[in-house]
Amino acid sequence: MISPVDLVKRMGVGGRLVPFFKCVCVYFVALGAGGAGGGPSPGAVAAKCAPVLCLLLAVLLHHATHKSRYARLVAAGLALSALGDALLVWPQHFVAGMAAFAGAHVAYILALGWARRRALAGAALYAATLCFLGCVSPPAGLRALVPAYALLLATMAWRGVARGGAAAAGALLFLLSDALLGYSLFGGPLPHKQVLVMATYYLAQLGMTLSALRPPDRAHV
């Protein structure tokens, strides 16, 4: 798990994570004012996507000086996530947004790799995912897509746990964030849904980013 001291150090490296934290603050202030959580609009897209785009920029700047396959794939995952964020602002693009996030998970899985198995962790995550799927009832058009997406997400979380460190925290938080979102959509009411989903989501993407900002010799490039 990433420590607060390490987090402060990461923020101090060229100040590359400072814009992310500022954008997160702007998003939640706008959410509280009814802006970011209101109806679909270009402003809502900008507020929602800005934090992830800041993380993408941080990884790209790092990759420019520390060439790394891992950082390149994490950047791809962040870019696809930002696309998914934009699409999900409009409810009619839900399936397209899900597809974008599925692509992000594939990129993260490729980055995290298969060098460390951790079979028990994988079994536990798949079992938890199957239990979760028993608690939700997606509409007919999504009854195949939701389980497929959930199993892909569980795979990404498993590979994150196997890698350890910030990647593990990010992957598990991503799983939690999407579980909260999925339950609120297909299970039942969830108090403070937007805050819970987006807070865990931004922390998840921060964890993935921090794992890519490690020195190349420690990032298993």
C-alpha atoms as a PDB file:
ATOM      1  CA  MET A   1       0.000   0.000   0.000  1.00  0.00           C
ATOM      2  CA  ILE A   2       1.306   3.446  -0.868  1.00  0.00           C
ATOM      3  CA  SER A   3       2.320   5.432   2.214  1.00  0.00           C
ATOM      4  CA  PRO A   4       1.452   9.113   2.804  1.00  0.00           C
ATOM      5  CA  VAL A   5       5.186   9.933   2.794  1.00  0.00           C
ATOM      6  CA  ASP A   6       5.655   8.272  -0.574  1.00  0.00           C
ATOM      7  CA  LEU A   7       2.594  10.092  -1.901  1.00  0.00           C
ATOM      8  CA  VAL A   8       4.047  13.446  -0.895  1.00  0.00           C
ATOM      9  CA  LYS A   9       7.320  12.518  -2.590  1.00  0.00           C
ATOM     10  CA  ARG A  10       5.466  11.646  -5.786  1.00  0.00           C
ATOM     11  CA  MET A  11       3.687  14.995  -5.704  1.00  0.00           C
ATOM     12  CA  GLY A  12       7.057  16.715  -5.347  1.00  0.00           C
ATOM     13  CA  VAL A  13       8.548  15.127  -8.484  1.00  0.00           C
ATOM     14  CA  GLY A  14       8.166  18.067 -10.818  1.00  0.00           C
ATOM     15  CA  GLY A  15       4.803  18.790  -9.220  1.00  0.00           C
ATOM     16  CA  ARG A  16       3.246  16.492 -11.824  1.00  0.00           C
ATOM     17  CA  LEU A  17       0.431  15.269  -9.596  1.00  0.00           C
ATOM     18  CA  VAL A  18      -0.568  18.672  -8.245  1.00  0.00           C
ATOM     19  CA  PRO A  19      -2.910  19.411 -11.203  1.00  0.00           C
ATOM     20  CA  PHE A  20      -4.686  16.098 -10.554  1.00  0.00           C
ATOM     21  CA  PHE A  21      -5.476  16.999  -6.948  1.00  0.00           C
ATOM     22  CA  LYS A  22      -6.632  20.460  -7.970  1.00  0.00           C
ATOM     23  CA  CYS A  23      -8.948  19.030 -10.624  1.00  0.00           C
ATOM     24  CA  VAL A  24     -10.376  16.501  -8.171  1.00  0.00           C
ATOM     25  CA  CYS A  25     -11.160  19.351  -5.783  1.00  0.00           C
ATOM     26  CA  VAL A  26     -12.823  21.322  -8.599  1.00  0.00           C
ATOM     27  CA  TYR A  27     -14.892  18.265  -9.555  1.00  0.00           C
ATOM     28  CA  PHE A  28     -16.228  17.681  -6.059  1.00  0.00           C
ATOM     29  CA  VAL A  29     -16.906  21.396  -5.521  1.00  0.00           C
ATOM     30  CA  ALA A  30     -18.855  21.417  -8.797  1.00  0.00           C
ATOM     31  CA  LEU A  31     -20.633  18.228  -7.718  1.00  0.00           C
ATOM     32  CA  GLY A  32     -21.672  19.858  -4.465  1.00  0.00           C
ATOM     33  CA  ALA A  33     -22.956  22.867  -6.403  1.00  0.00           C
ATOM     34  CA  GLY A  34     -24.942  20.608  -8.724  1.00  0.00           C
ATOM     35  CA  GLY A  35     -22.668  21.134 -11.721  1.00  0.00           C
ATOM     36  CA  ALA A  36     -20.621  17.985 -12.322  1.00  0.00           C
ATOM     37  CA  GLY A  37     -23.463  15.774 -11.174  1.00  0.00           C
ATOM     38  CA  GLY A  38     -26.129  17.574 -13.188  1.00  0.00           C
ATOM     39  CA  GLY A  39     -27.330  16.885 -16.700  1.00  0.00           C
ATOM     40  CA  PRO A  40     -25.024  15.986 -19.599  1.00  0.00           C
ATOM     41  CA  SER A  41     -23.005  18.942 -20.850  1.00  0.00           C
ATOM     42  CA  PRO A  42     -19.504  19.772 -22.119  1.00  0.00           C
ATOM     43  CA  GLY A  43     -18.792  21.282 -18.705  1.00  0.00           C
ATOM     44  CA  ALA A  44     -19.723  18.037 -16.962  1.00  0.00           C
ATOM     45  CA  VAL A  45     -17.422  16.121 -19.327  1.00  0.00           C
ATOM     46  CA  ALA A  46     -14.544  18.535 -18.681  1.00  0.00           C
ATOM     47  CA  ALA A  47     -14.928  18.393 -14.899  1.00  0.00           C
ATOM     48  CA  LYS A  48     -15.184  14.598 -14.852  1.00  0.00           C
ATOM     49  CA  CYS A  49     -12.335  13.870 -17.279  1.00  0.00           C
ATOM     50  CA  ALA A  50      -9.830  16.508 -16.155  1.00  0.00           C
ATOM     51  CA  PRO A  51      -8.349  14.548 -13.196  1.00  0.00           C
ATOM     52  CA  VAL A  52      -7.664  11.447 -15.323  1.00  0.00           C
ATOM     53  CA  LEU A  53      -6.242  13.568 -18.144  1.00  0.00           C
ATOM     54  CA  CYS A  54      -3.861  15.152 -15.610  1.00  0.00           C
ATOM     55  CA  LEU A  55      -2.704  11.680 -14.582  1.00  0.00           C
ATOM     56  CA  LEU A  56      -2.288  10.734 -18.242  1.00  0.00           C
ATOM     57  CA  LEU A  57      -0.104  13.778 -18.805  1.00  0.00           C
ATOM     58  CA  ALA A  58       2.007  12.895 -15.755  1.00  0.00           C
ATOM     59  CA  VAL A  59       2.609   9.368 -17.077  1.00  0.00           C
ATOM     60  CA  LEU A  60       3.396  10.628 -20.590  1.00  0.00           C
ATOM     61  CA  LEU A  61       5.925  13.128 -19.220  1.00  0.00           C
ATOM     62  CA  HIS A  62       7.509  10.379 -17.156  1.00  0.00           C
ATOM     63  CA  HIS A  63       7.592   8.041 -20.153  1.00  0.00           C
ATOM     64  CA  ALA A  64       9.303  10.706 -22.249  1.00  0.00           C
ATOM     65  CA  THR A  65      12.384  10.508 -20.016  1.00  0.00           C
ATOM     66  CA  HIS A  66      12.040   6.940 -18.674  1.00  0.00           C
ATOM     67  CA  LYS A  67      11.014   4.745 -21.589  1.00  0.00           C
ATOM     68  CA  SER A  68       8.854   1.956 -20.200  1.00  0.00           C
ATOM     69  CA  ARG A  69       6.384  -0.514 -21.681  1.00  0.00           C
ATOM     70  CA  TYR A  70       4.562  -0.504 -18.358  1.00  0.00           C
ATOM     71  CA  ALA A  71       4.111   3.281 -18.357  1.00  0.00           C
ATOM     72  CA  ARG A  72       3.036   3.197 -22.009  1.00  0.00           C
ATOM     73  CA  LEU A  73       0.302   0.649 -21.278  1.00  0.00           C
ATOM     74  CA  VAL A  74      -0.842   2.504 -18.159  1.00  0.00           C
ATOM     75  CA  ALA A  75      -1.074   5.650 -20.295  1.00  0.00           C
ATOM     76  CA  ALA A  76      -3.255   3.721 -22.753  1.00  0.00           C
ATOM     77  CA  GLY A  77      -5.465   2.614 -19.862  1.00  0.00           C
ATOM     78  CA  LEU A  78      -5.802   6.185 -18.617  1.00  0.00           C
ATOM     79  CA  ALA A  79      -6.635   7.471 -22.097  1.00  0.00           C
ATOM     80  CA  LEU A  80      -9.342   4.835 -22.567  1.00  0.00           C
ATOM     81  CA  SER A  81     -10.664   5.582 -19.088  1.00  0.00           C
ATOM     82  CA  ALA A  82     -10.979   9.278 -19.941  1.00  0.00           C
ATOM     83  CA  LEU A  83     -12.895   8.300 -23.081  1.00  0.00           C
ATOM     84  CA  GLY A  84     -15.163   6.096 -20.988  1.00  0.00           C
ATOM     85  CA  ASP A  85     -15.718   8.935 -18.512  1.00  0.00           C
ATOM     86  CA  ALA A  86     -16.808  11.226 -21.327  1.00  0.00           C
ATOM     87  CA  LEU A  87     -19.145   8.669 -22.883  1.00  0.00           C
ATOM     88  CA  LEU A  88     -20.828   7.794 -19.578  1.00  0.00           C
ATOM     89  CA  VAL A  89     -21.899  11.389 -19.074  1.00  0.00           C
ATOM     90  CA  TRP A  90     -24.600  10.588 -21.640  1.00  0.00           C
ATOM     91  CA  PRO A  91     -26.747   7.596 -20.531  1.00  0.00           C
ATOM     92  CA  GLN A  92     -27.411   6.554 -24.140  1.00  0.00           C
ATOM     93  CA  HIS A  93     -23.675   5.855 -24.546  1.00  0.00           C
ATOM     94  CA  PHE A  94     -23.496   3.471 -21.580  1.00  0.00           C
ATOM     95  CA  VAL A  95     -22.454   0.427 -23.640  1.00  0.00           C
ATOM     96  CA  ALA A  96     -19.808   2.433 -25.515  1.00  0.00           C
ATOM     97  CA  GLY A  97     -18.491   3.739 -22.195  1.00  0.00           C
ATOM     98  CA  MET A  98     -18.379   0.207 -20.814  1.00  0.00           C
ATOM     99  CA  ALA A  99     -16.423  -0.868 -23.906  1.00  0.00           C
ATOM    100  CA  ALA A 100     -13.914   1.947 -23.397  1.00  0.00           C
ATOM    101  CA  PHE A 101     -13.359   0.900 -19.788  1.00  0.00           C
ATOM    102  CA  ALA A 102     -13.061  -2.737 -20.857  1.00  0.00           C
ATOM    103  CA  GLY A 103     -10.264  -1.615 -23.177  1.00  0.00           C
ATOM    104  CA  ALA A 104      -8.663   0.233 -20.263  1.00  0.00           C
ATOM    105  CA  HIS A 105      -8.727  -2.939 -18.162  1.00  0.00           C
ATOM    106  CA  VAL A 106      -7.119  -4.913 -20.993  1.00  0.00           C
ATOM    107  CA  ALA A 107      -4.341  -2.308 -21.166  1.00  0.00           C
ATOM    108  CA  TYR A 108      -3.844  -2.504 -17.399  1.00  0.00           C
ATOM    109  CA  ILE A 109      -3.791  -6.316 -17.478  1.00  0.00           C
ATOM    110  CA  LEU A 110      -1.126  -6.251 -20.210  1.00  0.00           C
ATOM    111  CA  ALA A 111       0.883  -3.779 -18.135  1.00  0.00           C
ATOM    112  CA  LEU A 112       0.580  -5.743 -14.890  1.00  0.00           C
ATOM    113  CA  GLY A 113       1.551  -8.990 -16.580  1.00  0.00           C
ATOM    114  CA  TRP A 114       1.398 -12.613 -15.469  1.00  0.00           C
ATOM    115  CA  ALA A 115       4.817 -13.100 -13.878  1.00  0.00           C
ATOM    116  CA  ARG A 116       3.349 -13.527 -10.391  1.00  0.00           C
ATOM    117  CA  ARG A 117       0.402 -15.899 -10.196  1.00  0.00           C
ATOM    118  CA  ARG A 118      -1.109 -15.442  -6.705  1.00  0.00           C
ATOM    119  CA  ALA A 119      -3.762 -18.056  -7.513  1.00  0.00           C
ATOM    120  CA  LEU A 120      -5.502 -17.795  -4.139  1.00  0.00           C
ATOM    121  CA  ALA A 121      -5.972 -14.053  -4.539  1.00  0.00           C
ATOM    122  CA  GLY A 122      -7.385 -14.632  -7.991  1.00  0.00           C
ATOM    123  CA  ALA A 123      -9.780 -17.291  -6.756  1.00  0.00           C
ATOM    124  CA  ALA A 124     -10.995 -15.010  -3.949  1.00  0.00           C
ATOM    125  CA  LEU A 125     -11.580 -12.100  -6.337  1.00  0.00           C
ATOM    126  CA  TYR A 126     -13.457 -14.240  -8.852  1.00  0.00           C
ATOM    127  CA  ALA A 127     -15.585 -15.740  -6.071  1.00  0.00           C
ATOM    128  CA  ALA A 128     -16.410 -12.268  -4.733  1.00  0.00           C
ATOM    129  CA  THR A 129     -17.294 -11.141  -8.248  1.00  0.00           C
ATOM    130  CA  LEU A 130     -19.651 -14.063  -8.764  1.00  0.00           C
ATOM    131  CA  CYS A 131     -21.326 -13.314  -5.433  1.00  0.00           C
ATOM    132  CA  PHE A 132     -21.727  -9.683  -6.461  1.00  0.00           C
ATOM    133  CA  LEU A 133     -23.277 -10.699  -9.783  1.00  0.00           C
ATOM    134  CA  GLY A 134     -25.867 -12.651  -7.827  1.00  0.00           C
ATOM    135  CA  CYS A 135     -26.908  -9.412  -6.106  1.00  0.00           C
ATOM    136  CA  VAL A 136     -27.601  -7.354  -9.229  1.00  0.00           C
ATOM    137  CA  SER A 137     -30.169  -7.645 -12.017  1.00  0.00           C
ATOM    138  CA  PRO A 138     -29.049  -5.900 -15.201  1.00  0.00           C
ATOM    139  CA  PRO A 139     -31.649  -5.314 -17.928  1.00  0.00           C
ATOM    140  CA  ALA A 140     -32.015  -7.862 -20.705  1.00  0.00           C
ATOM    141  CA  GLY A 141     -29.695  -6.019 -23.071  1.00  0.00           C
ATOM    142  CA  LEU A 142     -26.857  -6.072 -20.548  1.00  0.00           C
ATOM    143  CA  ARG A 143     -27.236  -9.547 -19.025  1.00  0.00           C
ATOM    144  CA  ALA A 144     -24.260 -10.879 -20.964  1.00  0.00           C
ATOM    145  CA  LEU A 145     -22.177  -7.703 -21.021  1.00  0.00           C
ATOM    146  CA  VAL A 146     -22.223  -6.982 -17.282  1.00  0.00           C
ATOM    147  CA  PRO A 147     -20.866 -10.411 -16.186  1.00  0.00           C
ATOM    148  CA  ALA A 148     -18.239 -10.321 -18.951  1.00  0.00           C
ATOM    149  CA  TYR A 149     -17.120  -6.851 -17.851  1.00  0.00           C
ATOM    150  CA  ALA A 150     -17.136  -7.883 -14.181  1.00  0.00           C
ATOM    151  CA  LEU A 151     -14.899 -10.891 -14.832  1.00  0.00           C
ATOM    152  CA  LEU A 152     -12.504  -8.736 -16.873  1.00  0.00           C
ATOM    153  CA  LEU A 153     -12.387  -6.228 -14.008  1.00  0.00           C
ATOM    154  CA  ALA A 154     -11.756  -9.041 -11.513  1.00  0.00           C
ATOM    155  CA  THR A 155      -8.868 -10.225 -13.677  1.00  0.00           C
ATOM    156  CA  MET A 156      -7.359  -6.752 -13.662  1.00  0.00           C
ATOM    157  CA  ALA A 157      -7.744  -6.568  -9.876  1.00  0.00           C
ATOM    158  CA  TRP A 158      -6.086  -9.981  -9.510  1.00  0.00           C
ATOM    159  CA  ARG A 159      -3.107  -8.922 -11.603  1.00  0.00           C
ATOM    160  CA  GLY A 160      -2.829  -5.705  -9.612  1.00  0.00           C
ATOM    161  CA  VAL A 161      -2.801  -7.615  -6.321  1.00  0.00           C
ATOM    162  CA  ALA A 162      -0.178  -9.962  -7.742  1.00  0.00           C
ATOM    163  CA  ARG A 163       2.041  -7.022  -8.658  1.00  0.00           C
ATOM    164  CA  GLY A 164       1.607  -5.355  -5.267  1.00  0.00           C
ATOM    165  CA  GLY A 165       2.307  -1.805  -4.139  1.00  0.00           C
ATOM    166  CA  ALA A 166       0.390   1.119  -5.621  1.00  0.00           C
ATOM    167  CA  ALA A 167      -0.880  -1.089  -8.458  1.00  0.00           C
ATOM    168  CA  ALA A 168      -2.624  -3.381  -5.969  1.00  0.00           C
ATOM    169  CA  ALA A 169      -4.289  -0.450  -4.220  1.00  0.00           C
ATOM    170  CA  GLY A 170      -5.356   1.060  -7.535  1.00  0.00           C
ATOM    171  CA  ALA A 171      -6.723  -2.195  -8.941  1.00  0.00           C
ATOM    172  CA  LEU A 172      -8.722  -3.037  -5.809  1.00  0.00           C
ATOM    173  CA  LEU A 173     -10.128   0.491  -5.594  1.00  0.00           C
ATOM    174  CA  PHE A 174     -11.155   0.237  -9.245  1.00  0.00           C
ATOM    175  CA  LEU A 175     -12.998  -2.985  -8.432  1.00  0.00           C
ATOM    176  CA  LEU A 176     -14.694  -1.312  -5.472  1.00  0.00           C
ATOM    177  CA  SER A 177     -15.654   1.773  -7.473  1.00  0.00           C
ATOM    178  CA  ASP A 178     -17.259  -0.229 -10.273  1.00  0.00           C
ATOM    179  CA  ALA A 179     -18.982  -2.513  -7.764  1.00  0.00           C
ATOM    180  CA  LEU A 180     -20.546   0.535  -6.110  1.00  0.00           C
ATOM    181  CA  LEU A 181     -21.597   1.904  -9.490  1.00  0.00           C
ATOM    182  CA  GLY A 182     -22.952  -1.440 -10.648  1.00  0.00           C
ATOM    183  CA  TYR A 183     -24.963  -1.950  -7.480  1.00  0.00           C
ATOM    184  CA  SER A 184     -26.435   1.561  -7.695  1.00  0.00           C
ATOM    185  CA  LEU A 185     -27.503   0.892 -11.293  1.00  0.00           C
ATOM    186  CA  PHE A 186     -28.687  -2.708 -11.093  1.00  0.00           C
ATOM    187  CA  GLY A 187     -29.038  -3.565  -7.420  1.00  0.00           C
ATOM    188  CA  GLY A 188     -30.644  -0.878  -5.310  1.00  0.00           C
ATOM    189  CA  PRO A 189     -30.290   2.678  -4.025  1.00  0.00           C
ATOM    190  CA  LEU A 190     -26.860   3.755  -2.796  1.00  0.00           C
ATOM    191  CA  PRO A 191     -26.632   6.844  -0.572  1.00  0.00           C
ATOM    192  CA  HIS A 192     -24.014   9.369  -1.687  1.00  0.00           C
ATOM    193  CA  LYS A 193     -23.492   7.306  -4.839  1.00  0.00           C
ATOM    194  CA  GLN A 194     -21.659   9.934  -6.887  1.00  0.00           C
ATOM    195  CA  VAL A 195     -19.194  10.818  -4.115  1.00  0.00           C
ATOM    196  CA  LEU A 196     -18.429   7.193  -3.248  1.00  0.00           C
ATOM    197  CA  VAL A 197     -18.045   6.053  -6.852  1.00  0.00           C
ATOM    198  CA  MET A 198     -15.927   8.964  -8.031  1.00  0.00           C
ATOM    199  CA  ALA A 199     -13.734   9.195  -4.907  1.00  0.00           C
ATOM    200  CA  THR A 200     -12.764   5.522  -5.143  1.00  0.00           C
ATOM    201  CA  TYR A 201     -12.390   5.823  -8.921  1.00  0.00           C
ATOM    202  CA  TYR A 202      -9.989   8.770  -8.794  1.00  0.00           C
ATOM    203  CA  LEU A 203      -7.965   7.071  -6.054  1.00  0.00           C
ATOM    204  CA  ALA A 204      -7.847   3.930  -8.204  1.00  0.00           C
ATOM    205  CA  GLN A 205      -6.462   5.824 -11.184  1.00  0.00           C
ATOM    206  CA  LEU A 206      -3.995   7.584  -8.891  1.00  0.00           C
ATOM    207  CA  GLY A 207      -2.742   4.206  -7.679  1.00  0.00           C
ATOM    208  CA  MET A 208      -2.217   2.972 -11.239  1.00  0.00           C
ATOM    209  CA  THR A 209      -0.416   6.207 -12.096  1.00  0.00           C
ATOM    210  CA  LEU A 210       1.873   6.017  -9.081  1.00  0.00           C
ATOM    211  CA  SER A 211       2.826   2.485 -10.057  1.00  0.00           C
ATOM    212  CA  ALA A 212       3.900   3.820 -13.471  1.00  0.00           C
ATOM    213  CA  LEU A 213       5.912   6.696 -11.978  1.00  0.00           C
ATOM    214  CA  ARG A 214       8.306   4.345 -10.200  1.00  0.00           C
ATOM    215  CA  PRO A 215      11.884   4.211 -11.487  1.00  0.00           C
ATOM    216  CA  PRO A 216      12.232   1.855 -14.484  1.00  0.00           C
ATOM    217  CA  ASP A 217      14.364  -0.686 -12.656  1.00  0.00           C
ATOM    218  CA  ARG A 218      11.586  -1.151 -10.069  1.00  0.00           C
ATOM    219  CA  ALA A 219       8.657  -1.031 -12.449  1.00  0.00           C
ATOM    220  CA  HIS A 220       9.478  -4.398 -14.081  1.00  0.00           C
ATOM    221  CA  VAL A 221       9.656  -2.871 -17.553  1.00  0.00           C
END
